Amino acid sequence: MRDALGAVQSVLVLGGSSDIGVATARRLLGSRAGSVVLAGRRPDALAAAADALRRSGAGDVETVAFDADDTASHGAFVERICGVRDFDVVVLAAGVLGDQDAAEQDPEVAVDVLRTNLLGCASIALHVARRLRTQGHGTLVVLSSVAGERVRRSNFVYGASKAGLDGLALGLGDSLVGSGASVMVVRPGFVHTKMTAGRPPGPLATTAEAVAEAIDDGLRRNREIVWVPGLLRYVMAVLRHVPRPIFRRLPI
């Protein structure tokens, strides 16, 4: 549970080697000796992320196996990890970018992206939310994307997966009102991370550290939706209403 000043003491990162997830845990705990659990499917990447957090001052860093695609294991995973401790913040950072061209050539590639980003993340989000409701506090931070706000031709498979997750997360947040638990949806634009390495940056590109700062601020202010950078909120308010014949010709 958060301390007397409201500071976060415990964080679970699903997709534990994610640059944004690790940056968020570092930002939330600072130099305080709080606890972090990094959950993911690549032991080597988790170990490197854990070492980085320990060097930044995190007191207790644990790594555990977690596979977003293995939805049958999610219930037992949450019971095992959350059954012995409460978490103030759970960051759902699991996801894949995928290859749009490959997905158009082979629908199975598209299905893999949707399975991870939508089905897998929806499954674990529902299990986590049920646990947060039981413990009576805690925030599930769902990393969505501006790509899901209005799906673009250039990455419609990834965008569709994030649009579905975004909608589910908003509804899930509504279902938790009054329980003490909450959901915060984060909609970053292009973020410079390992996942986007080698890709041309989009407009208003940002960093994992900037996303982490926005998440920290959003938690302090009890936000339900966070845009990173904040200007994207107004950009998308306009783009959302652009007629489709014009929208599909925009270089975005």
Protein backbone atom coordinates (compact mmCIF):
# COMPACT_ATOMS: atom_id res chain seq x y z
CA MET A 1 0.00 0.00 0.00
CA ARG A 2 1.17 3.56 -0.68
CA ASP A 3 2.93 5.29 2.19
CA ALA A 4 1.50 8.10 4.33
CA LEU A 5 2.45 10.67 1.70
CA GLY A 6 0.81 8.73 -1.12
CA ALA A 7 4.06 7.53 -2.64
CA VAL A 8 4.05 4.25 -4.57
CA GLN A 9 5.74 1.38 -2.72
CA SER A 10 5.19 -1.61 -4.98
CA VAL A 11 5.03 -2.04 -8.77
CA LEU A 12 4.31 -5.00 -11.02
CA VAL A 13 5.40 -4.61 -14.66
CA LEU A 14 3.79 -7.00 -17.13
CA GLY A 15 6.14 -6.99 -20.08
CA GLY A 16 8.96 -6.48 -17.65
CA SER A 17 11.76 -5.83 -20.13
CA SER A 18 9.79 -3.03 -21.82
CA ASP A 19 11.73 0.24 -21.89
CA ILE A 20 8.60 2.14 -20.86
CA GLY A 21 7.76 -0.34 -18.12
CA VAL A 22 11.24 -0.21 -16.60
CA ALA A 23 11.41 3.59 -16.89
CA THR A 24 8.03 3.83 -15.16
CA ALA A 25 9.10 1.62 -12.26
CA ARG A 26 12.27 3.68 -11.87
CA ARG A 27 10.32 6.93 -11.95
CA LEU A 28 7.65 5.81 -9.47
CA LEU A 29 10.07 4.47 -6.90
CA GLY A 30 12.94 6.90 -7.40
CA SER A 31 15.62 6.10 -4.84
CA ARG A 32 13.13 4.66 -2.36
CA ALA A 33 13.64 1.04 -1.41
CA GLY A 34 10.31 -0.12 -2.77
CA SER A 35 9.59 -3.43 -4.47
CA VAL A 36 9.31 -4.22 -8.17
CA VAL A 37 8.29 -7.42 -9.92
CA LEU A 38 9.25 -7.64 -13.59
CA ALA A 39 7.21 -10.26 -15.43
CA GLY A 40 8.03 -11.39 -18.96
CA ARG A 41 9.05 -14.23 -21.22
CA ARG A 42 12.74 -13.39 -21.86
CA PRO A 43 14.85 -14.23 -18.78
CA ASP A 44 17.97 -12.52 -20.12
CA ALA A 45 16.15 -9.26 -20.85
CA LEU A 46 14.40 -9.37 -17.47
CA ALA A 47 17.72 -9.88 -15.69
CA ALA A 48 19.25 -6.87 -17.45
CA ALA A 49 16.23 -4.71 -16.59
CA ALA A 50 16.34 -5.85 -12.96
CA ASP A 51 20.03 -4.97 -12.70
CA ALA A 52 19.33 -1.50 -14.08
CA LEU A 53 16.59 -0.92 -11.50
CA ARG A 54 18.79 -2.12 -8.65
CA ARG A 55 21.50 0.30 -9.72
CA SER A 56 18.94 3.12 -9.62
CA GLY A 57 18.07 2.33 -6.00
CA ALA A 58 15.08 -0.02 -6.10
CA GLY A 59 15.30 -2.10 -2.95
CA ASP A 60 13.68 -5.39 -3.92
CA VAL A 61 13.54 -6.41 -7.58
CA GLU A 62 12.17 -9.80 -8.58
CA THR A 63 11.75 -11.36 -12.01
CA VAL A 64 9.10 -13.93 -12.89
CA ALA A 65 8.00 -15.77 -16.02
CA PHE A 66 4.91 -14.39 -17.77
CA ASP A 67 3.57 -14.95 -21.27
CA ALA A 68 0.80 -12.65 -22.49
CA ASP A 69 -0.16 -15.17 -25.16
CA ASP A 70 -0.70 -17.99 -22.65
CA THR A 71 -4.09 -16.79 -21.46
CA ALA A 72 -4.87 -20.11 -19.76
CA SER A 73 -2.08 -19.40 -17.26
CA HIS A 74 -3.11 -15.86 -16.35
CA GLY A 75 -5.47 -16.66 -13.51
CA ALA A 76 -2.94 -18.82 -11.70
CA PHE A 77 -0.19 -16.27 -12.41
CA VAL A 78 -2.13 -13.44 -10.75
CA GLU A 79 -3.05 -15.58 -7.76
CA ARG A 80 0.56 -16.63 -7.29
CA ILE A 81 2.12 -13.19 -7.67
CA CYS A 82 -0.60 -11.09 -6.03
CA GLY A 83 -1.70 -13.63 -3.45
CA VAL A 84 1.25 -12.90 -1.17
CA ARG A 85 1.44 -9.11 -1.58
CA ASP A 86 -0.51 -6.06 -2.71
CA PHE A 87 0.60 -3.87 -5.59
CA ASP A 88 0.05 -0.12 -5.70
CA VAL A 89 0.57 0.02 -9.47
CA VAL A 90 0.44 -2.65 -12.16
CA VAL A 91 1.88 -1.53 -15.50
CA LEU A 92 0.58 -3.47 -18.49
CA ALA A 93 3.42 -2.92 -20.95
CA ALA A 94 3.31 -6.24 -22.81
CA GLY A 95 2.91 -5.95 -26.55
CA VAL A 96 4.45 -6.29 -29.99
CA LEU A 97 4.68 -3.83 -32.86
CA GLY A 98 4.53 -6.41 -35.61
CA ASP A 99 5.24 -5.94 -39.31
CA GLN A 100 2.39 -4.36 -41.26
CA ASP A 101 3.61 -5.54 -44.67
CA ALA A 102 4.08 -9.10 -43.43
CA ALA A 103 0.66 -9.04 -41.79
CA GLU A 104 -1.00 -8.06 -45.05
CA GLN A 105 0.77 -10.90 -46.86
CA ASP A 106 0.12 -13.50 -44.17
CA PRO A 107 -2.99 -13.12 -41.99
CA GLU A 108 -1.41 -15.38 -39.35
CA VAL A 109 1.14 -12.64 -38.71
CA ALA A 110 -1.74 -10.24 -38.07
CA VAL A 111 -3.41 -12.76 -35.79
CA ASP A 112 -0.22 -13.04 -33.73
CA VAL A 113 -0.19 -9.27 -33.15
CA LEU A 114 -3.86 -9.25 -32.20
CA ARG A 115 -3.42 -12.27 -29.95
CA THR A 116 -0.70 -10.57 -27.91
CA ASN A 117 -1.80 -6.93 -27.90
CA LEU A 118 -5.54 -7.46 -27.58
CA LEU A 119 -6.50 -10.95 -26.41
CA GLY A 120 -3.49 -11.56 -24.18
CA CYS A 121 -3.51 -8.08 -22.66
CA ALA A 122 -7.29 -8.13 -22.20
CA SER A 123 -7.04 -11.45 -20.37
CA ILE A 124 -4.37 -10.38 -17.91
CA ALA A 125 -6.01 -6.97 -17.43
CA LEU A 126 -9.27 -8.60 -16.36
CA HIS A 127 -7.50 -10.92 -13.93
CA VAL A 128 -5.46 -8.06 -12.45
CA ALA A 129 -8.51 -5.82 -12.11
CA ARG A 130 -10.35 -8.51 -10.19
CA ARG A 131 -7.39 -8.75 -7.81
CA LEU A 132 -7.15 -4.97 -7.36
CA ARG A 133 -10.86 -4.87 -6.58
CA THR A 134 -10.33 -7.53 -3.91
CA GLN A 135 -7.42 -5.70 -2.29
CA GLY A 136 -9.42 -2.45 -2.41
CA HIS A 137 -6.74 -0.22 -3.92
CA GLY A 138 -4.22 0.00 -6.73
CA THR A 139 -4.09 1.29 -10.30
CA LEU A 140 -3.75 -0.71 -13.48
CA VAL A 141 -1.79 1.39 -15.99
CA VAL A 142 -2.58 0.21 -19.52
CA LEU A 143 -0.16 1.23 -22.26
CA SER A 144 -2.38 1.92 -25.24
CA SER A 145 -1.25 4.03 -28.20
CA VAL A 146 -2.31 7.03 -30.21
CA ALA A 147 -2.33 4.51 -33.10
CA GLY A 148 -5.53 3.08 -31.65
CA GLU A 149 -7.31 6.44 -31.38
CA ARG A 150 -7.93 6.47 -35.13
CA VAL A 151 -6.52 3.51 -37.03
CA ARG A 152 -4.29 4.46 -39.95
CA ARG A 153 -3.65 2.65 -43.19
CA SER A 154 0.10 2.47 -42.50
CA ASN A 155 -0.23 0.30 -39.37
CA PHE A 156 -3.86 -0.78 -39.16
CA VAL A 157 -3.15 -4.19 -37.61
CA TYR A 158 -1.22 -2.73 -34.68
CA GLY A 159 -3.65 0.17 -34.48
CA ALA A 160 -6.66 -2.14 -34.38
CA SER A 161 -5.09 -4.18 -31.58
CA LYS A 162 -4.53 -1.05 -29.51
CA ALA A 163 -7.97 0.34 -30.30
CA GLY A 164 -9.53 -2.82 -28.92
CA LEU A 165 -7.37 -2.79 -25.79
CA ASP A 166 -8.03 0.91 -25.25
CA GLY A 167 -11.78 0.40 -25.35
CA LEU A 168 -11.65 -2.56 -23.00
CA ALA A 169 -9.45 -0.65 -20.55
CA LEU A 170 -11.83 2.31 -20.46
CA GLY A 171 -14.79 0.04 -19.78
CA LEU A 172 -12.82 -1.85 -17.17
CA GLY A 173 -12.03 1.43 -15.43
CA ASP A 174 -15.72 2.30 -15.35
CA SER A 175 -16.50 -1.08 -13.79
CA LEU A 176 -14.05 -0.40 -10.93
CA VAL A 177 -15.50 2.94 -9.87
CA GLY A 178 -16.22 2.87 -6.14
CA SER A 179 -14.03 -0.18 -5.49
CA GLY A 180 -10.87 1.73 -4.52
CA ALA A 181 -9.09 0.34 -7.61
CA SER A 182 -8.74 2.17 -10.91
CA VAL A 183 -7.46 2.02 -14.48
CA MET A 184 -5.37 4.64 -16.23
CA VAL A 185 -5.05 4.47 -20.01
CA VAL A 186 -1.83 5.88 -21.49
CA ARG A 187 -1.77 6.93 -25.15
CA PRO A 188 1.76 7.74 -26.28
CA GLY A 189 2.73 8.62 -29.81
CA PHE A 190 5.96 7.35 -31.33
CA VAL A 191 8.36 6.40 -28.50
CA HIS A 192 12.08 5.85 -29.02
CA THR A 193 12.56 2.31 -27.59
CA LYS A 194 14.08 -1.02 -28.52
CA MET A 195 10.78 -1.93 -30.18
CA THR A 196 10.85 1.05 -32.55
CA ALA A 197 14.60 1.02 -33.23
CA GLY A 198 15.35 1.51 -36.91
CA ARG A 199 11.92 2.94 -37.73
CA PRO A 200 11.50 6.56 -38.79
CA PRO A 201 10.12 8.57 -35.87
CA GLY A 202 6.60 9.91 -36.18
CA PRO A 203 5.49 13.46 -35.38
CA LEU A 204 5.91 14.51 -31.74
CA ALA A 205 8.18 11.53 -31.01
CA THR A 206 9.02 11.07 -27.35
CA THR A 207 11.08 8.90 -25.00
CA ALA A 208 10.39 6.17 -22.47
CA GLU A 209 11.46 8.51 -19.70
CA ALA A 210 8.96 11.15 -20.82
CA VAL A 211 6.19 8.56 -20.86
CA ALA A 212 7.19 7.47 -17.35
CA GLU A 213 7.08 11.08 -16.15
CA ALA A 214 3.60 11.50 -17.64
CA ILE A 215 2.43 8.29 -15.96
CA ASP A 216 3.77 9.49 -12.61
CA ASP A 217 2.00 12.81 -13.02
CA GLY A 218 -1.21 11.07 -14.11
CA LEU A 219 -1.20 8.86 -11.05
CA ARG A 220 -0.69 11.83 -8.75
CA ARG A 221 -3.60 13.64 -10.40
CA ASN A 222 -5.85 10.55 -10.58
CA ARG A 223 -6.13 10.82 -14.38
CA GLU A 224 -8.11 8.25 -16.33
CA ILE A 225 -6.42 9.02 -19.68
CA VAL A 226 -2.91 10.31 -20.27
CA TRP A 227 -1.57 11.51 -23.64
CA VAL A 228 2.18 11.62 -24.28
CA PRO A 229 3.08 14.25 -25.27
CA GLY A 230 0.02 16.13 -24.06
CA LEU A 231 -0.32 18.01 -27.35
CA LEU A 232 -1.49 14.77 -29.00
CA ARG A 233 -4.79 15.11 -27.20
CA TYR A 234 -5.62 18.16 -29.29
CA VAL A 235 -4.10 16.81 -32.50
CA MET A 236 -6.26 13.69 -32.28
CA ALA A 237 -9.34 15.73 -31.39
CA VAL A 238 -8.99 17.22 -34.87
CA LEU A 239 -7.88 14.08 -36.74
CA ARG A 240 -10.74 12.07 -35.25
CA HIS A 241 -13.20 14.13 -37.30
CA VAL A 242 -11.30 14.38 -40.58
CA PRO A 243 -13.37 12.74 -43.37
CA ARG A 244 -12.01 9.33 -44.35
CA PRO A 245 -11.18 10.21 -47.99
CA ILE A 246 -8.94 13.00 -46.69
CA PHE A 247 -7.61 11.09 -43.69
CA ARG A 248 -6.33 8.19 -45.79
CA ARG A 249 -4.24 10.58 -47.88
CA LEU A 250 -2.52 12.21 -44.92
CA PRO A 251 1.20 11.34 -44.52
CA ILE A 252 0.81 9.84 -41.06
